[in-house]
Amino acid sequence: MARPASPQRPRHRAIIALALLIAGAVVGATPASAADPVVMAAGDIACPSAGSASAGLCSDLYTSNLARTQKSSASGLAALLAVGDTQYEDSTVAEYASGFNRSWGATDLRSVLRPVPGNHEYDIAGAPGYFQYFSSIGVGVGESGKGWYSYNIGAWHVVALNSSDGCQVVSCAAGSEQETWLKADLAASSQPCQLVYWHHPLSTAPAEVPIWQDLYAAGVDFVITGHVHGYTPPRGLDPSGRPDANGPREAIVGTGGKDGGVYGLLKLTLHPNSADWSFVGTTSNSGSATCRAVAPPPPPAPPPPSKPDSAFNAAVSGLTATFSDTSTNGPTGWVWDFGDGSGIAAGGDPSPNPSHTYARAGTYTVNLTASNAGGAGTTATRQVTVVSAVATRIAVRLTPAQARAALRREVQKRLRHWKITRITCRQAKNARQARCTFRARRHARTARGSGTVTALSAASGSFRVKVRISGHRSRVWTGRTKV
């Protein structure tokens, strides 16, 4: 967490501090090998004086002893992540010597120690104390002045980033050196699981957004941070900082010992396709998560669908009937019996809408049995009547009302502005024809006429009309009209 910088210590104390680094005590034993590696993490760690072995202010020795206990256990400790603000107040070499080096930096933890810098490391421009100290004890922190690096632990790819002072010193912008390196590093990794750590939570450093976009796009599983002195369990976030179950799970672990009321380490057990976490210290919390790159198990097979309720419609034109399936419950197969000894059996043409031409006119019983993955459904039955072309023509009948409407329309097309005062029609012996008479008037002039109306297709309203007018403008004409 950002705090007012203390005055710089005299430079000659750095020489004394470097001499003290060799004196770190070895505590703990070599751990037994474990099937799945364990890492522990916290930031905001050491006061510029010897730490306390009990939880409370300046308790970096307490938190480092939690790491030692884990390291000497059967499951061991693969890495101890120091998540920034490793040494207060200004991260000088002298401060490291009197604080961090006596706890987290002691020789027994150096082999697993994996630090990143925070804002206090940059209280002195360029963070010289941070880079010099860790170089002197043989702990890698990436290239001096940059501070980012990566490595693998089991099935996990782990990336250490430098948020410096909220990305104000070392840039996190799109196209910056660090952001460009990160995208290439994540793209080159073939590990199924990914963990990233740096000092600042997203909510405290808006300049981190471009890198968060990269982490989100790459499906990173965890982002471990500090800076805020306290503990927030892992939770998925999108690059805007909104909760998102598909985003990297950010954990805030500013509990390394400096202050804040909660002290301890976040422990993660890294399985090949998942991770379990728990907080070890003055509070408790635990959980687990599957790696995002791991395909979830296939869902159980859906139950078979309900069998179809078979149904169909039929349209007839002469001797040909066209059928259309209206069955429910998603049919995928259709067995048709057209009632004349022919049909479409199972395994034949699986058409839901077949056409069939009958050899002779008549009424036929048509059956349809639709089926799907659930099996054959009900059988639907309809009576279908087909007729010959001659019978179709005879079946066309013309009503007097149709004849009057057709004649009126045809006369009005020819005698514009005339008012038809009367039309009388009667059906001829041929049911498709009607004979009509009419009268028309315009001002003082009158006209009489007669006409023959023949139905071409009564169903569609198409007629042929022959008209004869006597009196004014005598004439004869034939036309077609629709009503």
Protein backbone atom coordinates (compact mmCIF):
# COMPACT_ATOMS: atom_id res chain seq x y z
CA MET A 1 0.00 0.00 0.00
CA ALA A 2 1.30 3.45 -0.82
CA ARG A 3 2.66 5.32 2.26
CA PRO A 4 4.76 8.46 2.72
CA ALA A 5 8.39 7.56 2.07
CA SER A 6 10.82 7.56 4.96
CA PRO A 7 14.04 9.53 4.58
CA GLN A 8 16.72 7.54 2.72
CA ARG A 9 19.24 5.72 4.89
CA PRO A 10 22.88 6.64 4.53
CA ARG A 11 24.43 4.84 1.60
CA HIS A 12 27.33 3.41 3.64
CA ARG A 13 24.81 1.19 5.49
CA ALA A 14 24.23 -0.78 2.27
CA ILE A 15 27.73 -2.26 2.57
CA ILE A 16 26.99 -3.47 6.11
CA ALA A 17 23.62 -4.85 4.98
CA LEU A 18 25.09 -6.92 2.17
CA ALA A 19 27.45 -8.55 4.63
CA LEU A 20 24.51 -9.63 6.76
CA LEU A 21 22.75 -11.48 3.94
CA ILE A 22 24.91 -14.54 4.31
CA ALA A 23 23.80 -14.92 7.92
CA GLY A 24 20.21 -16.04 7.18
CA ALA A 25 19.39 -19.00 9.40
CA VAL A 26 18.42 -22.37 7.91
CA VAL A 27 15.15 -23.53 9.46
CA GLY A 28 13.15 -26.60 8.39
CA ALA A 29 13.86 -29.81 6.55
CA THR A 30 13.79 -30.99 2.95
CA PRO A 31 10.17 -31.76 2.05
CA ALA A 32 8.96 -35.06 0.75
CA SER A 33 7.99 -35.11 -2.92
CA ALA A 34 4.29 -34.56 -3.62
CA ALA A 35 2.11 -35.64 -6.50
CA ASP A 36 0.57 -32.18 -6.87
CA PRO A 37 2.70 -29.08 -6.10
CA VAL A 38 1.77 -26.46 -3.53
CA VAL A 39 2.45 -22.72 -3.75
CA MET A 40 1.85 -20.08 -1.09
CA ALA A 41 1.53 -16.33 -1.58
CA ALA A 42 1.23 -12.99 0.18
CA GLY A 43 2.38 -9.40 -0.25
CA ASP A 44 2.99 -6.36 1.98
CA ILE A 45 5.53 -8.18 4.08
CA ALA A 46 8.44 -6.87 6.15
CA CYS A 47 9.00 -3.89 8.45
CA PRO A 48 12.53 -2.40 8.48
CA SER A 49 13.34 -4.35 11.64
CA ALA A 50 13.23 -7.91 12.90
CA GLY A 51 9.74 -9.35 12.51
CA SER A 52 7.53 -10.97 15.11
CA ALA A 53 6.84 -14.71 15.22
CA SER A 54 3.28 -13.98 16.40
CA ALA A 55 0.49 -12.62 14.23
CA GLY A 56 0.21 -8.85 14.41
CA LEU A 57 2.09 -5.75 13.29
CA CYS A 58 5.41 -6.51 11.60
CA SER A 59 4.79 -10.27 11.75
CA ASP A 60 6.73 -11.30 8.65
CA LEU A 61 8.51 -13.97 10.69
CA TYR A 62 5.10 -15.43 11.58
CA THR A 63 4.05 -15.67 7.92
CA SER A 64 7.44 -17.01 6.80
CA ASN A 65 7.16 -19.75 9.44
CA LEU A 66 3.83 -20.79 7.90
CA ALA A 67 5.75 -21.31 4.66
CA ARG A 68 8.44 -23.31 6.51
CA THR A 69 5.81 -25.57 8.05
CA GLN A 70 4.38 -26.26 4.59
CA LYS A 71 7.83 -26.79 3.09
CA SER A 72 8.67 -29.46 5.64
CA SER A 73 5.35 -31.26 5.23
CA ALA A 74 4.77 -34.32 3.05
CA SER A 75 3.30 -32.21 0.23
CA GLY A 76 6.19 -29.71 0.33
CA LEU A 77 6.32 -26.20 -1.09
CA ALA A 78 7.06 -25.62 -4.77
CA ALA A 79 7.04 -21.80 -4.67
CA LEU A 80 6.60 -18.93 -2.21
CA LEU A 81 5.21 -15.92 -4.07
CA ALA A 82 6.17 -12.56 -2.53
CA VAL A 83 3.51 -10.34 -4.09
CA GLY A 84 5.10 -6.89 -3.89
CA ASP A 85 5.85 -4.34 -1.14
CA THR A 86 8.27 -6.95 0.09
CA GLN A 87 10.19 -4.48 2.27
CA TYR A 88 9.03 -1.28 3.97
CA GLU A 89 9.51 1.63 3.92
CA ASP A 90 11.71 2.33 0.86
CA SER A 91 13.03 -1.16 0.01
CA THR A 92 16.68 -0.18 0.45
CA VAL A 93 19.31 -2.89 0.72
CA ALA A 94 19.84 -1.93 4.38
CA GLU A 95 16.13 -2.35 5.11
CA TYR A 96 16.09 -5.75 3.41
CA ALA A 97 19.03 -6.82 5.55
CA SER A 98 17.34 -5.87 8.84
CA GLY A 99 13.85 -7.08 7.93
CA PHE A 100 12.97 -9.35 5.01
CA ASN A 101 16.29 -11.21 5.04
CA ARG A 102 15.61 -12.52 8.55
CA SER A 103 12.25 -14.06 7.62
CA TRP A 104 11.19 -14.64 4.02
CA GLY A 105 14.72 -14.12 2.69
CA ALA A 106 16.44 -16.61 5.00
CA THR A 107 18.46 -19.26 3.22
CA ASP A 108 15.99 -22.10 3.78
CA LEU A 109 13.28 -20.33 1.70
CA ARG A 110 15.41 -18.87 -1.07
CA SER A 111 15.10 -21.94 -3.30
CA VAL A 112 11.32 -21.48 -3.49
CA LEU A 113 11.13 -17.68 -3.24
CA ARG A 114 9.58 -15.99 -6.32
CA PRO A 115 9.10 -12.21 -5.77
CA VAL A 116 7.56 -9.32 -7.72
CA PRO A 117 7.93 -5.60 -6.85
CA GLY A 118 5.24 -3.25 -5.56
CA ASN A 119 5.01 0.51 -5.17
CA HIS A 120 7.32 0.69 -2.09
CA GLU A 121 10.13 -0.86 -4.08
CA TYR A 122 9.84 2.20 -6.37
CA ASP A 123 9.99 4.78 -3.57
CA ILE A 124 13.55 5.12 -4.82
CA ALA A 125 13.57 5.59 -8.59
CA GLY A 126 14.22 2.36 -10.51
CA ALA A 127 13.82 0.11 -7.42
CA PRO A 128 17.59 -0.42 -7.07
CA GLY A 129 17.36 -1.98 -3.59
CA TYR A 130 14.89 -4.63 -4.81
CA PHE A 131 16.95 -5.75 -7.79
CA GLN A 132 20.27 -5.60 -5.93
CA TYR A 133 19.04 -7.50 -2.87
CA PHE A 134 17.46 -10.43 -4.69
CA SER A 135 20.40 -10.67 -7.09
CA SER A 136 22.77 -10.86 -4.10
CA ILE A 137 20.93 -13.85 -2.56
CA GLY A 138 20.58 -15.71 -5.88
CA VAL A 139 16.79 -15.29 -6.31
CA GLY A 140 15.71 -14.53 -9.87
CA VAL A 141 13.36 -11.58 -10.43
CA GLY A 142 13.65 -11.13 -14.17
CA GLU A 143 15.83 -8.63 -15.97
CA SER A 144 16.93 -5.68 -13.83
CA GLY A 145 14.70 -2.68 -14.41
CA LYS A 146 11.92 -4.86 -15.88
CA GLY A 147 10.96 -7.41 -13.25
CA TRP A 148 8.72 -9.75 -15.23
CA TYR A 149 9.41 -13.45 -15.83
CA SER A 150 7.65 -16.82 -16.06
CA TYR A 151 8.15 -20.48 -15.20
CA ASN A 152 6.23 -23.76 -14.99
CA ILE A 153 5.15 -25.69 -11.90
CA GLY A 154 3.68 -29.08 -12.78
CA ALA A 155 0.85 -28.56 -15.25
CA TRP A 156 0.74 -24.83 -14.45
CA HIS A 157 2.33 -21.90 -16.23
CA VAL A 158 3.14 -19.15 -13.72
CA VAL A 159 3.76 -15.54 -14.76
CA ALA A 160 5.28 -12.83 -12.54
CA LEU A 161 4.44 -9.25 -13.64
CA ASN A 162 5.55 -5.79 -12.54
CA SER A 163 2.75 -3.33 -11.71
CA SER A 164 5.39 -1.00 -10.15
CA ASP A 165 3.53 2.05 -8.80
CA GLY A 166 0.15 1.25 -10.38
CA CYS A 167 1.86 0.82 -13.79
CA GLN A 168 3.02 4.46 -13.64
CA VAL A 169 6.72 3.51 -13.73
CA VAL A 170 6.76 0.23 -15.67
CA SER A 171 4.06 0.54 -18.32
CA CYS A 172 1.16 -1.89 -18.68
CA ALA A 173 -0.22 -0.12 -21.77
CA ALA A 174 -1.15 -1.99 -24.94
CA GLY A 175 1.99 -2.34 -27.05
CA SER A 176 4.31 -1.66 -24.12
CA GLU A 177 7.33 -3.91 -23.69
CA GLN A 178 5.79 -5.78 -20.75
CA GLU A 179 2.37 -6.22 -22.41
CA THR A 180 3.95 -7.40 -25.68
CA TRP A 181 6.14 -9.90 -23.80
CA LEU A 182 3.11 -11.18 -21.83
CA LYS A 183 1.00 -11.92 -24.91
CA ALA A 184 3.86 -13.82 -26.53
CA ASP A 185 4.59 -15.73 -23.32
CA LEU A 186 0.98 -16.81 -22.83
CA ALA A 187 0.67 -17.80 -26.49
CA ALA A 188 3.83 -19.93 -26.31
CA SER A 189 2.70 -21.88 -23.23
CA SER A 190 1.13 -25.31 -23.71
CA GLN A 191 0.27 -25.76 -20.03
CA PRO A 192 -3.46 -26.32 -19.42
CA CYS A 193 -3.55 -24.02 -16.36
CA GLN A 194 -2.20 -20.49 -15.79
CA LEU A 195 -1.49 -18.38 -12.70
CA VAL A 196 -0.36 -14.73 -12.78
CA TYR A 197 0.74 -12.55 -9.86
CA TRP A 198 1.64 -8.90 -9.37
CA HIS A 199 1.17 -6.31 -6.66
CA HIS A 200 -1.87 -4.19 -7.53
CA PRO A 201 -5.49 -5.37 -7.67
CA LEU A 202 -7.34 -4.21 -10.77
CA SER A 203 -9.57 -1.88 -8.72
CA THR A 204 -6.55 0.10 -7.51
CA ALA A 205 -4.74 0.47 -10.84
CA PRO A 206 -6.89 1.33 -13.90
CA ALA A 207 -3.73 1.34 -16.02
CA GLU A 208 -3.69 -2.47 -15.68
CA VAL A 209 -6.71 -2.86 -17.98
CA PRO A 210 -4.79 -3.67 -21.21
CA ILE A 211 -2.96 -6.49 -19.46
CA TRP A 212 -6.20 -7.71 -17.88
CA GLN A 213 -7.66 -7.89 -21.37
CA ASP A 214 -4.79 -10.19 -22.35
CA LEU A 215 -5.28 -12.33 -19.24
CA TYR A 216 -9.02 -12.59 -19.90
CA ALA A 217 -8.51 -13.50 -23.56
CA ALA A 218 -5.93 -16.17 -22.68
CA GLY A 219 -8.21 -17.80 -20.10
CA VAL A 220 -5.88 -17.22 -17.15
CA ASP A 221 -7.15 -19.02 -14.06
CA PHE A 222 -5.83 -16.99 -11.10
CA VAL A 223 -4.33 -13.53 -10.53
CA ILE A 224 -2.74 -13.13 -7.08
CA THR A 225 -2.30 -9.54 -5.81
CA GLY A 226 -1.59 -7.58 -2.63
CA HIS A 227 -1.39 -3.81 -1.96
CA VAL A 228 -4.67 -3.71 -0.01
CA HIS A 229 -3.74 -4.89 3.48
CA GLY A 230 -6.24 -7.69 4.03
CA TYR A 231 -7.64 -10.79 2.31
CA THR A 232 -10.22 -11.10 -0.47
CA PRO A 233 -10.88 -14.67 -1.73
CA PRO A 234 -10.52 -15.50 -5.44
CA ARG A 235 -13.35 -14.15 -7.60
CA GLY A 236 -13.73 -13.94 -11.37
CA LEU A 237 -13.46 -10.46 -12.90
CA ASP A 238 -13.72 -9.03 -16.40
CA PRO A 239 -11.23 -6.36 -17.59
CA SER A 240 -13.57 -3.64 -16.29
CA GLY A 241 -13.46 -5.08 -12.79
CA ARG A 242 -17.03 -6.40 -12.89
CA PRO A 243 -17.79 -9.88 -11.54
CA ASP A 244 -17.52 -12.42 -14.34
CA ALA A 245 -17.49 -16.18 -13.83
CA ASN A 246 -15.45 -16.52 -17.03
CA GLY A 247 -12.76 -14.04 -15.96
CA PRO A 248 -9.46 -14.66 -14.12
CA ARG A 249 -10.05 -15.22 -10.40
CA GLU A 250 -8.38 -12.34 -8.58
CA ALA A 251 -7.30 -12.90 -4.97
CA ILE A 252 -6.02 -10.03 -2.78
CA VAL A 253 -3.49 -11.26 -0.23
CA GLY A 254 -1.98 -8.18 1.43
CA THR A 255 -1.42 -10.30 4.53
CA GLY A 256 2.35 -10.91 4.54
CA GLY A 257 2.94 -9.32 7.98
CA LYS A 258 3.23 -5.53 7.75
CA ASP A 259 -0.20 -4.62 9.14
CA GLY A 260 -3.88 -4.77 8.32
CA GLY A 261 -5.44 -7.09 10.88
CA VAL A 262 -5.34 -10.30 8.81
CA TYR A 263 -2.06 -12.22 8.61
CA GLY A 264 -1.17 -15.38 6.74
CA LEU A 265 -0.65 -16.99 3.34
CA LEU A 266 -2.89 -18.13 0.50
CA LYS A 267 -2.14 -21.80 -0.18
CA LEU A 268 -2.88 -23.25 -3.61
CA THR A 269 -2.57 -26.93 -4.46
CA LEU A 270 -2.02 -27.12 -8.21
CA HIS A 271 -3.61 -30.23 -9.68
CA PRO A 272 -3.16 -31.11 -13.38
CA ASN A 273 -6.55 -29.64 -14.35
CA SER A 274 -7.67 -27.67 -11.30
CA ALA A 275 -6.60 -26.00 -8.06
CA ASP A 276 -7.70 -26.04 -4.45
CA TRP A 277 -7.08 -22.99 -2.26
CA SER A 278 -7.19 -22.23 1.43
CA PHE A 279 -6.07 -19.33 3.59
CA VAL A 280 -3.56 -20.34 6.26
CA GLY A 281 -3.31 -17.83 9.11
CA THR A 282 -5.60 -15.69 11.23
CA THR A 283 -8.72 -16.29 9.13
CA SER A 284 -10.03 -19.18 7.07
CA ASN A 285 -11.35 -19.59 3.56
CA SER A 286 -11.17 -22.37 0.98
CA GLY A 287 -12.41 -23.32 -2.45
CA SER A 288 -11.54 -25.03 -5.70
CA ALA A 289 -11.77 -24.34 -9.41
CA THR A 290 -11.25 -26.14 -12.71
CA CYS A 291 -8.77 -24.70 -15.15
CA ARG A 292 -10.45 -22.76 -17.95
CA ALA A 293 -8.49 -24.51 -20.71
CA VAL A 294 -9.77 -27.89 -19.57
CA ALA A 295 -12.85 -29.04 -21.43
CA PRO A 296 -15.71 -29.75 -19.03
CA PRO A 297 -17.07 -33.30 -18.96
CA PRO A 298 -19.71 -33.93 -21.59
CA PRO A 299 -23.26 -33.41 -20.38
CA PRO A 300 -25.39 -36.49 -19.84
CA ALA A 301 -27.22 -37.74 -22.88
CA PRO A 302 -30.67 -36.17 -23.15
CA PRO A 303 -33.66 -38.47 -22.66
CA PRO A 304 -35.26 -39.73 -25.86
CA PRO A 305 -37.93 -37.40 -27.23
CA SER A 306 -41.61 -38.09 -26.97
CA LYS A 307 -42.98 -40.10 -29.86
CA PRO A 308 -44.69 -38.06 -32.57
CA ASP A 309 -48.40 -37.41 -32.69
CA SER A 310 -48.90 -38.05 -36.40
CA ALA A 311 -51.01 -35.66 -38.46
CA PHE A 312 -51.15 -34.43 -42.07
CA ASN A 313 -53.08 -32.32 -44.57
CA ALA A 314 -53.93 -33.15 -48.19
CA ALA A 315 -54.46 -30.96 -51.26
CA VAL A 316 -56.00 -32.52 -54.39
CA SER A 317 -55.62 -31.50 -58.02
CA GLY A 318 -57.25 -33.98 -60.39
CA LEU A 319 -55.83 -37.43 -59.67
CA THR A 320 -52.82 -36.05 -57.77
CA ALA A 321 -52.80 -35.54 -54.03
CA THR A 322 -50.06 -33.57 -52.26
CA PHE A 323 -49.59 -34.37 -48.59
CA SER A 324 -47.99 -32.15 -45.94
CA ASP A 325 -46.89 -33.46 -42.55
CA THR A 326 -48.15 -31.57 -39.49
CA SER A 327 -47.00 -34.08 -36.85
CA THR A 328 -45.69 -32.80 -33.51
CA ASN A 329 -42.70 -33.79 -31.31
CA GLY A 330 -40.07 -33.46 -34.01
CA PRO A 331 -40.58 -36.38 -36.39
CA THR A 332 -37.59 -37.56 -38.42
CA GLY A 333 -39.20 -40.48 -40.29
CA TRP A 334 -42.50 -40.95 -42.13
CA VAL A 335 -44.27 -44.12 -43.32
CA TRP A 336 -47.04 -43.36 -45.83
CA ASP A 337 -49.84 -45.67 -47.03
CA PHE A 338 -51.71 -43.98 -49.90
CA GLY A 339 -54.63 -46.42 -49.79
CA ASP A 340 -54.24 -47.80 -53.30
CA GLY A 341 -51.70 -50.48 -52.48
CA SER A 342 -48.73 -48.14 -52.70
CA GLY A 343 -46.88 -45.99 -50.20
CA ILE A 344 -43.49 -45.10 -48.73
CA ALA A 345 -42.17 -47.62 -46.21
CA ALA A 346 -39.63 -47.06 -43.45
CA GLY A 347 -36.20 -46.65 -44.97
CA GLY A 348 -37.64 -45.33 -48.23
CA ASP A 349 -37.70 -41.72 -49.33
CA PRO A 350 -38.06 -39.99 -45.91
CA SER A 351 -40.24 -37.20 -47.28
CA PRO A 352 -42.62 -35.41 -44.93
CA ASN A 353 -44.49 -33.86 -47.88
CA PRO A 354 -44.88 -36.39 -50.73
CA SER A 355 -47.14 -36.21 -53.79
CA HIS A 356 -48.96 -39.24 -55.22
CA THR A 357 -50.93 -39.61 -58.47
CA TYR A 358 -53.71 -42.17 -58.39
CA ALA A 359 -54.61 -44.34 -61.40
CA ARG A 360 -58.32 -43.67 -61.15
CA ALA A 361 -60.78 -41.42 -59.43
CA GLY A 362 -62.12 -42.45 -56.07
CA THR A 363 -61.90 -42.03 -52.33
CA TYR A 364 -58.85 -43.51 -50.64
CA THR A 365 -57.87 -44.04 -47.00
CA VAL A 366 -54.41 -42.56 -46.43
CA ASN A 367 -52.35 -43.41 -43.35
CA LEU A 368 -49.24 -41.71 -41.93
CA THR A 369 -47.08 -43.02 -39.10
CA ALA A 370 -44.37 -40.53 -38.09
CA SER A 371 -41.35 -41.52 -35.97
CA ASN A 372 -38.32 -40.06 -34.22
CA ALA A 373 -35.56 -41.24 -31.87
CA GLY A 374 -38.23 -42.14 -29.35
CA GLY A 375 -39.85 -44.59 -31.77
CA ALA A 376 -42.91 -44.78 -33.99
CA GLY A 377 -45.75 -42.49 -33.02
CA THR A 378 -49.47 -42.65 -33.54
CA THR A 379 -51.00 -43.34 -36.97
CA ALA A 380 -53.04 -40.56 -38.59
CA THR A 381 -55.82 -41.43 -41.11
CA ARG A 382 -57.64 -39.25 -43.67
CA GLN A 383 -60.07 -39.89 -46.51
CA VAL A 384 -58.82 -38.37 -49.76
CA THR A 385 -61.07 -38.07 -52.85
CA VAL A 386 -59.48 -37.58 -56.26
CA VAL A 387 -61.30 -36.97 -59.57
CA SER A 388 -60.42 -37.13 -63.26
CA ALA A 389 -59.75 -33.99 -65.31
CA VAL A 390 -63.18 -34.29 -67.02
CA ALA A 391 -64.93 -34.55 -63.70
CA THR A 392 -63.02 -31.51 -62.50
CA ARG A 393 -64.34 -29.43 -65.38
CA ILE A 394 -67.91 -30.62 -64.78
CA ALA A 395 -67.55 -29.87 -61.10
CA VAL A 396 -67.03 -26.18 -61.83
CA ARG A 397 -70.41 -24.53 -61.21
CA LEU A 398 -71.37 -20.91 -61.79
CA THR A 399 -73.82 -19.22 -59.48
CA PRO A 400 -76.08 -16.34 -60.58
CA ALA A 401 -74.37 -14.04 -58.08
CA GLN A 402 -70.98 -14.80 -59.63
CA ALA A 403 -72.42 -14.19 -63.11
CA ARG A 404 -73.89 -10.80 -62.12
CA ALA A 405 -70.61 -9.69 -60.52
CA ALA A 406 -68.54 -10.75 -63.54
CA LEU A 407 -70.88 -9.05 -66.03
CA ARG A 408 -71.04 -5.83 -64.00
CA ARG A 409 -67.25 -5.65 -63.82
CA GLU A 410 -66.79 -6.27 -67.54
CA VAL A 411 -69.48 -3.74 -68.60
CA GLN A 412 -68.08 -1.06 -66.31
CA LYS A 413 -64.64 -1.53 -67.85
CA ARG A 414 -66.09 -0.69 -71.28
CA LEU A 415 -68.84 1.80 -70.44
CA ARG A 416 -67.14 4.24 -68.16
CA HIS A 417 -69.39 6.77 -66.41
CA TRP A 418 -72.51 4.69 -67.13
CA LYS A 419 -74.64 3.54 -64.25
CA ILE A 420 -75.89 -0.03 -64.44
CA THR A 421 -79.45 0.04 -63.17
CA ARG A 422 -80.37 -3.61 -63.45
CA ILE A 423 -78.76 -7.03 -64.06
CA THR A 424 -80.67 -10.30 -64.27
CA CYS A 425 -78.90 -13.67 -64.72
CA ARG A 426 -80.10 -17.23 -64.88
CA GLN A 427 -78.04 -20.39 -65.05
CA ALA A 428 -77.91 -22.18 -68.36
CA LYS A 429 -78.23 -25.91 -68.81
CA ASN A 430 -74.47 -25.99 -68.76
CA ALA A 431 -73.79 -25.34 -65.10
CA ARG A 432 -70.65 -23.43 -66.06
CA GLN A 433 -72.62 -20.72 -67.93
CA ALA A 434 -75.24 -18.10 -67.20
CA ARG A 435 -77.24 -15.81 -69.50
CA CYS A 436 -77.84 -12.27 -68.37
CA THR A 437 -79.62 -9.04 -69.37
CA PHE A 438 -78.88 -5.55 -68.10
CA ARG A 439 -79.81 -1.88 -68.40
CA ALA A 440 -77.51 1.14 -68.14
CA ARG A 441 -78.09 4.90 -68.08
CA ARG A 442 -75.99 8.02 -68.47
CA HIS A 443 -77.87 11.29 -68.11
CA ALA A 444 -80.84 11.03 -70.56
CA ARG A 445 -79.31 8.19 -72.54
CA THR A 446 -80.07 4.54 -71.92
CA ALA A 447 -78.64 1.27 -73.18
CA ARG A 448 -79.79 -2.32 -73.03
CA GLY A 449 -77.68 -5.37 -73.32
CA SER A 450 -77.25 -9.07 -72.82
CA GLY A 451 -74.35 -11.26 -71.99
CA THR A 452 -73.07 -14.75 -71.53
CA VAL A 453 -70.81 -15.53 -68.57
CA THR A 454 -68.71 -18.72 -68.57
CA ALA A 455 -66.80 -19.87 -65.48
CA LEU A 456 -63.18 -20.70 -66.24
CA SER A 457 -62.32 -21.35 -62.58
CA ALA A 458 -65.02 -20.55 -60.12
CA ALA A 459 -62.69 -21.21 -57.20
CA SER A 460 -60.24 -18.50 -58.29
CA GLY A 461 -62.96 -16.16 -59.62
CA SER A 462 -61.89 -16.24 -63.30
CA PHE A 463 -64.62 -15.79 -65.94
CA ARG A 464 -65.06 -15.23 -69.70
CA VAL A 465 -67.76 -12.66 -70.48
CA LYS A 466 -69.40 -12.03 -73.89
CA VAL A 467 -71.48 -8.84 -74.00
CA ARG A 468 -73.89 -7.46 -76.64
CA ILE A 469 -75.26 -3.88 -76.32
CA SER A 470 -78.20 -2.49 -78.34
CA GLY A 471 -79.33 1.10 -78.55
CA HIS A 472 -76.68 3.73 -77.90
CA ARG A 473 -73.23 2.70 -79.12
CA SER A 474 -74.33 -0.80 -80.15
CA ARG A 475 -71.43 -3.24 -79.99
CA VAL A 476 -70.35 -6.78 -79.14
CA TRP A 477 -67.22 -7.74 -77.23
CA THR A 478 -65.70 -10.62 -75.31
CA GLY A 479 -63.38 -10.29 -72.33
CA ARG A 480 -61.95 -12.04 -69.27
CA THR A 481 -62.35 -10.79 -65.76
CA LYS A 482 -61.88 -11.78 -62.15
CA VAL A 483 -64.17 -11.03 -59.26
